[in-house]
PDB file of N, CA and C in Angstrom:
ATOM      1  N   MET A   1     -13.645   2.357   6.691  1.00  0.00           N
ATOM      2  CA  MET A   1     -12.132   2.456   7.267  1.00  0.00           C
ATOM      3  C   MET A   1     -10.782   3.841   6.829  1.00  0.00           C
ATOM      4  N   GLN A   2     -10.580   4.703   7.353  1.00  0.00           N
ATOM      5  CA  GLN A   2     -10.091   5.362   6.870  1.00  0.00           C
ATOM      6  C   GLN A   2      -8.548   5.087   6.620  1.00  0.00           C
ATOM      7  N   CYS A   3      -7.858   5.409   5.546  1.00  0.00           N
ATOM      8  CA  CYS A   3      -6.255   4.722   5.029  1.00  0.00           C
ATOM      9  C   CYS A   3      -5.302   6.006   4.327  1.00  0.00           C
ATOM     10  N   VAL A   4      -4.467   5.653   4.610  1.00  0.00           N
ATOM     11  CA  VAL A   4      -3.541   6.693   3.787  1.00  0.00           C
ATOM     12  C   VAL A   4      -2.894   6.475   2.837  1.00  0.00           C
ATOM     13  N   ILE A   5      -2.814   7.280   1.486  1.00  0.00           N
ATOM     14  CA  ILE A   5      -2.145   6.479  -0.046  1.00  0.00           C
ATOM     15  C   ILE A   5      -1.006   7.765   0.211  1.00  0.00           C
ATOM     16  N   TYR A   6      -0.247   7.079  -0.106  1.00  0.00           N
ATOM     17  CA  TYR A   6       1.006   7.433  -0.152  1.00  0.00           C
ATOM     18  C   TYR A   6       2.422   6.688  -2.145  1.00  0.00           C
ATOM     19  N   LYS A   7       2.826   7.482  -2.308  1.00  0.00           N
ATOM     20  CA  LYS A   7       3.218   6.302  -3.594  1.00  0.00           C
ATOM     21  C   LYS A   7       4.308   6.925  -3.285  1.00  0.00           C
ATOM     22  N   GLY A   8       5.201   5.583  -4.363  1.00  0.00           N
ATOM     23  CA  GLY A   8       6.871   5.382  -3.649  1.00  0.00           C
ATOM     24  C   GLY A   8       7.464   6.081  -4.845  1.00  0.00           C
ATOM     25  N   SER A   9       7.848   7.561  -3.897  1.00  0.00           N
ATOM     26  CA  SER A   9       9.551   7.714  -5.040  1.00  0.00           C
ATOM     27  C   SER A   9      10.208   6.763  -6.029  1.00  0.00           C
ATOM     28  N   ARG A  10      10.563   6.108  -5.800  1.00  0.00           N
ATOM     29  CA  ARG A  10      11.344   5.462  -6.421  1.00  0.00           C
ATOM     30  C   ARG A  10      11.326   4.433  -7.424  1.00  0.00           C
ATOM     31  N   LYS A  11       9.998   3.777  -7.332  1.00  0.00           N
ATOM     32  CA  LYS A  11       8.914   3.427  -8.729  1.00  0.00           C
ATOM     33  C   LYS A  11       7.529   3.942  -8.606  1.00  0.00           C
ATOM     34  N   GLN A  12       7.930   3.719  -9.666  1.00  0.00           N
ATOM     35  CA  GLN A  12       6.520   4.892 -10.516  1.00  0.00           C
ATOM     36  C   GLN A  12       5.966   3.705 -10.489  1.00  0.00           C
ATOM     37  N   ASP A  13       4.189   4.515 -10.945  1.00  0.00           N
ATOM     38  CA  ASP A  13       2.967   3.335 -10.270  1.00  0.00           C
ATOM     39  C   ASP A  13       2.763   2.707  -8.803  1.00  0.00           C
ATOM     40  N   THR A  14       3.365   2.587  -7.931  1.00  0.00           N
ATOM     41  CA  THR A  14       3.727   1.852  -6.018  1.00  0.00           C
ATOM     42  C   THR A  14       2.625   3.008  -6.042  1.00  0.00           C
ATOM     43  N   TYR A  15       2.333   1.994  -4.838  1.00  0.00           N
ATOM     44  CA  TYR A  15       1.204   3.214  -3.160  1.00  0.00           C
ATOM     45  C   TYR A  15       1.368   1.995  -2.837  1.00  0.00           C
ATOM     46  N   LEU A  16       1.339   2.818  -1.501  1.00  0.00           N
ATOM     47  CA  LEU A  16       1.555   2.223  -0.302  1.00  0.00           C
ATOM     48  C   LEU A  16       0.056   2.656   0.715  1.00  0.00           C
ATOM     49  N   TYR A  17      -1.260   1.857   1.014  1.00  0.00           N
ATOM     50  CA  TYR A  17      -2.293   1.950   1.680  1.00  0.00           C
ATOM     51  C   TYR A  17      -1.112   1.789   3.656  1.00  0.00           C
ATOM     52  N   LEU A  18      -1.505   2.947   3.639  1.00  0.00           N
ATOM     53  CA  LEU A  18      -1.228   3.108   5.419  1.00  0.00           C
ATOM     54  C   LEU A  18      -2.681   2.884   5.801  1.00  0.00           C
ATOM     55  N   ALA A  19      -2.927   2.094   7.365  1.00  0.00           N
ATOM     56  CA  ALA A  19      -4.140   1.742   8.045  1.00  0.00           C
ATOM     57  C   ALA A  19      -3.839   4.092   9.317  1.00  0.00           C
ATOM     58  N   ASP A  20      -3.214   4.197   9.158  1.00  0.00           N
ATOM     59  CA  ASP A  20      -2.302   4.876  10.422  1.00  0.00           C
ATOM     60  C   ASP A  20      -1.317   6.321   9.901  1.00  0.00           C
ATOM     61  N   ARG A  21      -1.977   6.854   9.512  1.00  0.00           N
ATOM     62  CA  ARG A  21      -0.843   7.971   8.847  1.00  0.00           C
ATOM     63  C   ARG A  21       0.617   8.252   9.705  1.00  0.00           C
ATOM     64  N   ASP A  22       1.341   8.042   8.562  1.00  0.00           N
ATOM     65  CA  ASP A  22       2.948   8.168   9.096  1.00  0.00           C
ATOM     66  C   ASP A  22       2.670   6.682   9.734  1.00  0.00           C
ATOM     67  N   ASN A  23       2.754   6.036   9.954  1.00  0.00           N
ATOM     68  CA  ASN A  23       3.122   5.099  10.998  1.00  0.00           C
ATOM     69  C   ASN A  23       3.552   3.746   9.782  1.00  0.00           C
ATOM     70  N   PHE A  24       5.070   4.346   9.633  1.00  0.00           N
ATOM     71  CA  PHE A  24       5.826   3.529   8.950  1.00  0.00           C
ATOM     72  C   PHE A  24       6.261   1.755   9.323  1.00  0.00           C
ATOM     73  N   SER A  25       6.038   1.812  11.242  1.00  0.00           N
ATOM     74  CA  SER A  25       6.484   0.785  12.243  1.00  0.00           C
ATOM     75  C   SER A  25       6.072  -0.093  10.966  1.00  0.00           C
ATOM     76  N   CYS A  26       4.659  -0.600  10.371  1.00  0.00           N
ATOM     77  CA  CYS A  26       4.177  -2.603  10.352  1.00  0.00           C
ATOM     78  C   CYS A  26       5.262  -2.890   8.820  1.00  0.00           C
ATOM     79  N   MET A  27       5.317  -1.922   8.647  1.00  0.00           N
ATOM     80  CA  MET A  27       6.083  -2.115   7.244  1.00  0.00           C
ATOM     81  C   MET A  27       7.006  -3.040   7.163  1.00  0.00           C
ATOM     82  N   PRO A  28       7.983  -3.253   5.943  1.00  0.00           N
ATOM     83  CA  PRO A  28       8.726  -4.302   6.344  1.00  0.00           C
ATOM     84  C   PRO A  28       9.983  -3.645   5.754  1.00  0.00           C
ATOM     85  N   GLU A  29      11.091  -3.601   6.690  1.00  0.00           N
ATOM     86  CA  GLU A  29      12.157  -3.008   6.155  1.00  0.00           C
ATOM     87  C   GLU A  29      12.612  -2.468   4.844  1.00  0.00           C
ATOM     88  N   ASN A  30      13.555  -3.901   4.317  1.00  0.00           N
ATOM     89  CA  ASN A  30      13.734  -3.698   2.421  1.00  0.00           C
ATOM     90  C   ASN A  30      12.400  -3.235   1.922  1.00  0.00           C
ATOM     91  N   LEU A  31      10.960  -3.048   2.558  1.00  0.00           N
ATOM     92  CA  LEU A  31      10.538  -3.396   1.433  1.00  0.00           C
ATOM     93  C   LEU A  31      10.085  -1.734   0.741  1.00  0.00           C
ATOM     94  N   LEU A  32      10.167  -0.654   2.702  1.00  0.00           N
ATOM     95  CA  LEU A  32      10.547   1.493   2.373  1.00  0.00           C
ATOM     96  C   LEU A  32      11.986   0.932   1.623  1.00  0.00           C
ATOM     97  N   LYS A  33      12.959  -0.098   1.544  1.00  0.00           N
ATOM     98  CA  LYS A  33      14.257   0.548   0.867  1.00  0.00           C
ATOM     99  C   LYS A  33      13.410   0.609  -0.190  1.00  0.00           C
ATOM    100  N   LEU A  34      13.218   0.141  -1.346  1.00  0.00           N
ATOM    101  CA  LEU A  34      12.419  -0.880  -2.570  1.00  0.00           C
ATOM    102  C   LEU A  34      11.451   0.506  -3.157  1.00  0.00           C
ATOM    103  N   ILE A  35      10.936   1.176  -2.152  1.00  0.00           N
ATOM    104  CA  ILE A  35       9.422   2.006  -3.282  1.00  0.00           C
ATOM    105  C   ILE A  35      10.539   3.369  -2.594  1.00  0.00           C
ATOM    106  N   GLY A  36      11.068   3.404  -2.033  1.00  0.00           N
ATOM    107  CA  GLY A  36      12.157   4.440  -1.358  1.00  0.00           C
ATOM    108  C   GLY A  36      10.915   5.985  -0.227  1.00  0.00           C
ATOM    109  N   GLN A  37      11.644   7.431  -0.853  1.00  0.00           N
ATOM    110  CA  GLN A  37      10.411   8.206   0.622  1.00  0.00           C
ATOM    111  C   GLN A  37       8.347   7.854   0.632  1.00  0.00           C
ATOM    112  N   PRO A  38       8.024   7.691   0.734  1.00  0.00           N
ATOM    113  CA  PRO A  38       6.910   7.770   0.495  1.00  0.00           C
ATOM    114  C   PRO A  38       6.418   9.354   0.393  1.00  0.00           C
ATOM    115  N   VAL A  39       5.415  10.295  -0.071  1.00  0.00           N
ATOM    116  CA  VAL A  39       5.038  10.618  -0.295  1.00  0.00           C
ATOM    117  C   VAL A  39       3.498  10.978  -0.823  1.00  0.00           C
ATOM    118  N   HIS A  40       3.185  12.061   0.461  1.00  0.00           N
ATOM    119  CA  HIS A  40       1.201  11.369   1.093  1.00  0.00           C
ATOM    120  C   HIS A  40       1.023  11.824  -0.485  1.00  0.00           C
ATOM    121  N   VAL A  41      -0.287  11.582  -1.165  1.00  0.00           N
ATOM    122  CA  VAL A  41      -1.222  11.583  -1.814  1.00  0.00           C
ATOM    123  C   VAL A  41      -1.953  11.784  -1.631  1.00  0.00           C
ATOM    124  N   MET A  42      -3.266  10.843  -0.877  1.00  0.00           N
ATOM    125  CA  MET A  42      -4.086  11.822  -0.143  1.00  0.00           C
ATOM    126  C   MET A  42      -5.112  10.760   1.102  1.00  0.00           C
ATOM    127  N   ASP A  43      -5.481  10.997   1.469  1.00  0.00           N
ATOM    128  CA  ASP A  43      -7.062  10.262   2.565  1.00  0.00           C
ATOM    129  C   ASP A  43      -7.515  10.058   2.130  1.00  0.00           C
ATOM    130  N   LEU A  44      -8.262   8.746   2.289  1.00  0.00           N
ATOM    131  CA  LEU A  44      -9.841   8.073   1.626  1.00  0.00           C
ATOM    132  C   LEU A  44     -10.460   7.078   2.186  1.00  0.00           C
ATOM    133  N   ASP A  45     -11.344   6.978   2.396  1.00  0.00           N
ATOM    134  CA  ASP A  45     -12.133   6.706   3.059  1.00  0.00           C
ATOM    135  C   ASP A  45     -12.591   5.268   1.961  1.00  0.00           C
ATOM    136  N   LEU A  46     -11.905   4.079   2.905  1.00  0.00           N
ATOM    137  CA  LEU A  46     -11.998   2.499   2.356  1.00  0.00           C
ATOM    138  C   LEU A  46     -13.058   2.304   2.846  1.00  0.00           C
ATOM    139  N   HIS A  47     -13.839   0.944   1.723  1.00  0.00           N
ATOM    140  CA  HIS A  47     -15.122   0.906   2.198  1.00  0.00           C
ATOM    141  C   HIS A  47     -15.511   0.344   1.367  1.00  0.00           C
ATOM    142  N   PRO A  48     -16.369  -1.351   1.424  1.00  0.00           N
ATOM    143  CA  PRO A  48     -16.297  -2.726   0.618  1.00  0.00           C
ATOM    144  C   PRO A  48     -16.962  -2.147  -0.781  1.00  0.00           C
ATOM    145  N   GLU A  49     -17.839  -1.534  -0.402  1.00  0.00           N
ATOM    146  CA  GLU A  49     -18.742  -0.380  -2.096  1.00  0.00           C
ATOM    147  C   GLU A  49     -17.515   0.348  -3.334  1.00  0.00           C
ATOM    148  N   ARG A  50     -15.918   0.901  -2.272  1.00  0.00           N
ATOM    149  CA  ARG A  50     -15.274   1.652  -3.504  1.00  0.00           C
ATOM    150  C   ARG A  50     -15.427   1.079  -4.133  1.00  0.00           C
ATOM    151  N   ARG A  51     -14.775   1.531  -5.469  1.00  0.00           N
ATOM    152  CA  ARG A  51     -14.298   0.868  -6.595  1.00  0.00           C
ATOM    153  C   ARG A  51     -12.921   1.543  -5.808  1.00  0.00           C
ATOM    154  N   LEU A  52     -11.530   0.917  -6.957  1.00  0.00           N
ATOM    155  CA  LEU A  52      -9.708   1.806  -6.921  1.00  0.00           C
ATOM    156  C   LEU A  52      -9.224   1.410  -8.124  1.00  0.00           C
ATOM    157  N   ALA A  53      -9.216   2.170  -8.895  1.00  0.00           N
ATOM    158  CA  ALA A  53      -8.654   1.656 -10.345  1.00  0.00           C
ATOM    159  C   ALA A  53      -7.592   0.708 -10.540  1.00  0.00           C
ATOM    160  N   GLN A  54      -6.625   0.213  -9.431  1.00  0.00           N
ATOM    161  CA  GLN A  54      -6.300  -0.867 -10.160  1.00  0.00           C
ATOM    162  C   GLN A  54      -5.416  -1.548  -8.527  1.00  0.00           C
ATOM    163  N   ALA A  55      -6.483  -1.610  -7.522  1.00  0.00           N
ATOM    164  CA  ALA A  55      -6.545  -2.423  -6.416  1.00  0.00           C
ATOM    165  C   ALA A  55      -8.051  -3.574  -6.301  1.00  0.00           C
ATOM    166  N   ASP A  56      -8.362  -5.088  -6.371  1.00  0.00           N
ATOM    167  CA  ASP A  56      -9.016  -4.972  -5.399  1.00  0.00           C
ATOM    168  C   ASP A  56      -9.845  -4.409  -4.344  1.00  0.00           C
ATOM    169  N   THR A  57     -10.272  -3.702  -3.557  1.00  0.00           N
ATOM    170  CA  THR A  57     -11.043  -3.025  -2.278  1.00  0.00           C
ATOM    171  C   THR A  57     -10.775  -3.898  -1.724  1.00  0.00           C
ATOM    172  N   ALA A  58     -11.649  -5.108  -1.692  1.00  0.00           N
ATOM    173  CA  ALA A  58     -12.092  -6.184  -0.342  1.00  0.00           C
ATOM    174  C   ALA A  58     -10.233  -6.656   0.088  1.00  0.00           C
ATOM    175  N   GLU A  59      -9.341  -6.742  -1.265  1.00  0.00           N
ATOM    176  CA  GLU A  59      -8.279  -7.640  -0.639  1.00  0.00           C
ATOM    177  C   GLU A  59      -7.918  -6.358  -0.135  1.00  0.00           C
ATOM    178  N   VAL A  60      -6.829  -4.973  -0.282  1.00  0.00           N
ATOM    179  CA  VAL A  60      -6.983  -3.779   0.360  1.00  0.00           C
ATOM    180  C   VAL A  60      -6.828  -4.114   1.606  1.00  0.00           C
ATOM    181  N   LEU A  61      -8.183  -4.389   1.834  1.00  0.00           N
ATOM    182  CA  LEU A  61      -9.219  -4.144   3.522  1.00  0.00           C
ATOM    183  C   LEU A  61      -8.737  -4.397   4.007  1.00  0.00           C
ATOM    184  N   GLN A  62      -8.784  -5.872   3.323  1.00  0.00           N
ATOM    185  CA  GLN A  62      -8.125  -7.447   4.379  1.00  0.00           C
ATOM    186  C   GLN A  62      -6.678  -7.228   4.905  1.00  0.00           C
ATOM    187  N   ASN A  63      -6.098  -6.364   3.969  1.00  0.00           N
ATOM    188  CA  ASN A  63      -5.064  -5.730   4.533  1.00  0.00           C
ATOM    189  C   ASN A  63      -4.435  -5.327   5.240  1.00  0.00           C
ATOM    190  N   LEU A  64      -5.586  -4.385   5.200  1.00  0.00           N
ATOM    191  CA  LEU A  64      -4.803  -2.616   5.917  1.00  0.00           C
ATOM    192  C   LEU A  64      -5.336  -3.245   7.620  1.00  0.00           C
ATOM    193  N   GLN A  65      -6.288  -3.640   7.671  1.00  0.00           N
ATOM    194  CA  GLN A  65      -6.529  -4.444   9.067  1.00  0.00           C
ATOM    195  C   GLN A  65      -5.920  -5.567   9.509  1.00  0.00           C
ATOM    196  N   GLU A  66      -5.355  -6.713   8.860  1.00  0.00           N
ATOM    197  CA  GLU A  66      -4.757  -7.715   9.676  1.00  0.00           C
ATOM    198  C   GLU A  66      -3.090  -7.276   9.359  1.00  0.00           C
ATOM    199  N   ARG A  67      -2.338  -6.557   8.749  1.00  0.00           N
ATOM    200  CA  ARG A  67      -0.944  -5.939   8.843  1.00  0.00           C
ATOM    201  C   ARG A  67      -0.590  -4.617   9.043  1.00  0.00           C
ATOM    202  N   GLY A  68      -1.710  -3.780   8.645  1.00  0.00           N
ATOM    203  CA  GLY A  68      -2.003  -2.425   8.784  1.00  0.00           C
ATOM    204  C   GLY A  68      -1.099  -1.477   7.270  1.00  0.00           C
ATOM    205  N   TRP A  69      -0.819  -2.093   6.065  1.00  0.00           N
ATOM    206  CA  TRP A  69      -0.322  -2.141   5.258  1.00  0.00           C
ATOM    207  C   TRP A  69      -0.681  -2.808   3.815  1.00  0.00           C
ATOM    208  N   HIS A  70      -0.999  -2.033   2.135  1.00  0.00           N
ATOM    209  CA  HIS A  70      -1.198  -2.605   1.350  1.00  0.00           C
ATOM    210  C   HIS A  70      -0.004  -2.525   0.890  1.00  0.00           C
ATOM    211  N   LEU A  71       0.477  -2.645  -0.807  1.00  0.00           N
ATOM    212  CA  LEU A  71       1.439  -1.633  -1.375  1.00  0.00           C
ATOM    213  C   LEU A  71       0.819  -2.256  -3.063  1.00  0.00           C
ATOM    214  N   GLN A  72       0.794  -1.388  -3.604  1.00  0.00           N
ATOM    215  CA  GLN A  72      -0.129  -1.653  -4.898  1.00  0.00           C
ATOM    216  C   GLN A  72       1.157  -1.402  -5.798  1.00  0.00           C
ATOM    217  N   MET A  73       1.599  -2.139  -7.106  1.00  0.00           N
ATOM    218  CA  MET A  73       2.310  -2.407  -8.104  1.00  0.00           C
ATOM    219  C   MET A  73       2.217  -2.443  -8.974  1.00  0.00           C
ATOM    220  N   PRO A  74       2.971  -2.059  -9.465  1.00  0.00           N
ATOM    221  CA  PRO A  74       2.354  -2.457 -11.152  1.00  0.00           C
ATOM    222  C   PRO A  74       2.187  -3.028 -11.172  1.00  0.00           C
ATOM    223  N   ARG A  75       1.867  -3.915 -12.873  1.00  0.00           N
ATOM    224  CA  ARG A  75       1.234  -5.310 -12.352  1.00  0.00           C
ATOM    225  C   ARG A  75       3.027  -6.362 -12.912  1.00  0.00           C
ATOM    226  N   GLN A  76       3.489  -5.979 -12.931  1.00  0.00           N
ATOM    227  CA  GLN A  76       4.778  -6.757 -13.613  1.00  0.00           C
ATOM    228  C   GLN A  76       5.183  -6.911 -12.574  1.00  0.00           C
ATOM    229  N   GLU A  77       4.993  -6.444 -11.564  1.00  0.00           N
ATOM    230  CA  GLU A  77       5.748  -6.394 -10.118  1.00  0.00           C
ATOM    231  C   GLU A  77       5.040  -7.164  -8.687  1.00  0.00           C
ATOM    232  N   GLU A  78       3.498  -7.699  -9.492  1.00  0.00           N
ATOM    233  CA  GLU A  78       2.958  -7.638  -8.431  1.00  0.00           C
ATOM    234  C   GLU A  78       3.756  -9.191  -7.381  1.00  0.00           C
ATOM    235  N   TRP A  79       4.692 -10.000  -8.272  1.00  0.00           N
ATOM    236  CA  TRP A  79       5.245 -10.851  -7.033  1.00  0.00           C
ATOM    237  C   TRP A  79       5.768 -10.194  -5.695  1.00  0.00           C
ATOM    238  N   LEU A  80       6.171  -9.318  -6.084  1.00  0.00           N
ATOM    239  CA  LEU A  80       7.101  -8.556  -4.407  1.00  0.00           C
ATOM    240  C   LEU A  80       6.048  -8.889  -3.351  1.00  0.00           C
ATOM    241  N   THR A  81       4.096  -8.527  -3.832  1.00  0.00           N
ATOM    242  CA  THR A  81       3.581  -8.034  -2.941  1.00  0.00           C
ATOM    243  C   THR A  81       3.156  -9.919  -2.017  1.00  0.00           C
ATOM    244  N   THR A  82       3.393 -10.949  -2.791  1.00  0.00           N
ATOM    245  CA  THR A  82       3.889 -11.900  -2.286  1.00  0.00           C
ATOM    246  C   THR A  82       4.854 -12.788  -1.310  1.00  0.00           C
ATOM    247  N   GLY A  83       5.754 -11.593  -0.796  1.00  0.00           N
ATOM    248  CA  GLY A  83       6.410 -11.553   0.087  1.00  0.00           C
ATOM    249  C   GLY A  83       8.031 -12.633  -0.359  1.00  0.00           C
ATOM    250  N   ALA A  84       7.427 -13.050  -2.235  1.00  0.00           N
ATOM    251  CA  ALA A  84       9.091 -13.497  -2.612  1.00  0.00           C
ATOM    252  C   ALA A  84      10.766 -12.978  -2.792  1.00  0.00           C
ATOM    253  N   TRP A  85       9.675 -11.026  -2.076  1.00  0.00           N
ATOM    254  CA  TRP A  85      11.177 -10.832  -2.047  1.00  0.00           C
ATOM    255  C   TRP A  85      12.212 -10.691  -0.807  1.00  0.00           C
ATOM    256  N   HIS A  86      11.360 -11.196   0.312  1.00  0.00           N
ATOM    257  CA  HIS A  86      12.413 -11.783   1.172  1.00  0.00           C
ATOM    258  C   HIS A  86      13.421 -11.806   1.071  1.00  0.00           C
TER     259      HIS A  86
END
């Protein structure tokens, strides 16, 4: 699966994976405000055998397929990805 990776401009070590380039419409508005302006980092061919440094590949793929995005936060801020930020 092709995906696009962006870094957040407000939060260091925050990365947003999108299934479709520049399609932020699937993202919750509050979450976009939190991470700031997304800055393109790279395009990536993501598949189950691929290892990611800071994220679980299976979880990223599942999130991309189900909702079109995956947010990778620094470890101490993982509570944000569970929906507790609403």
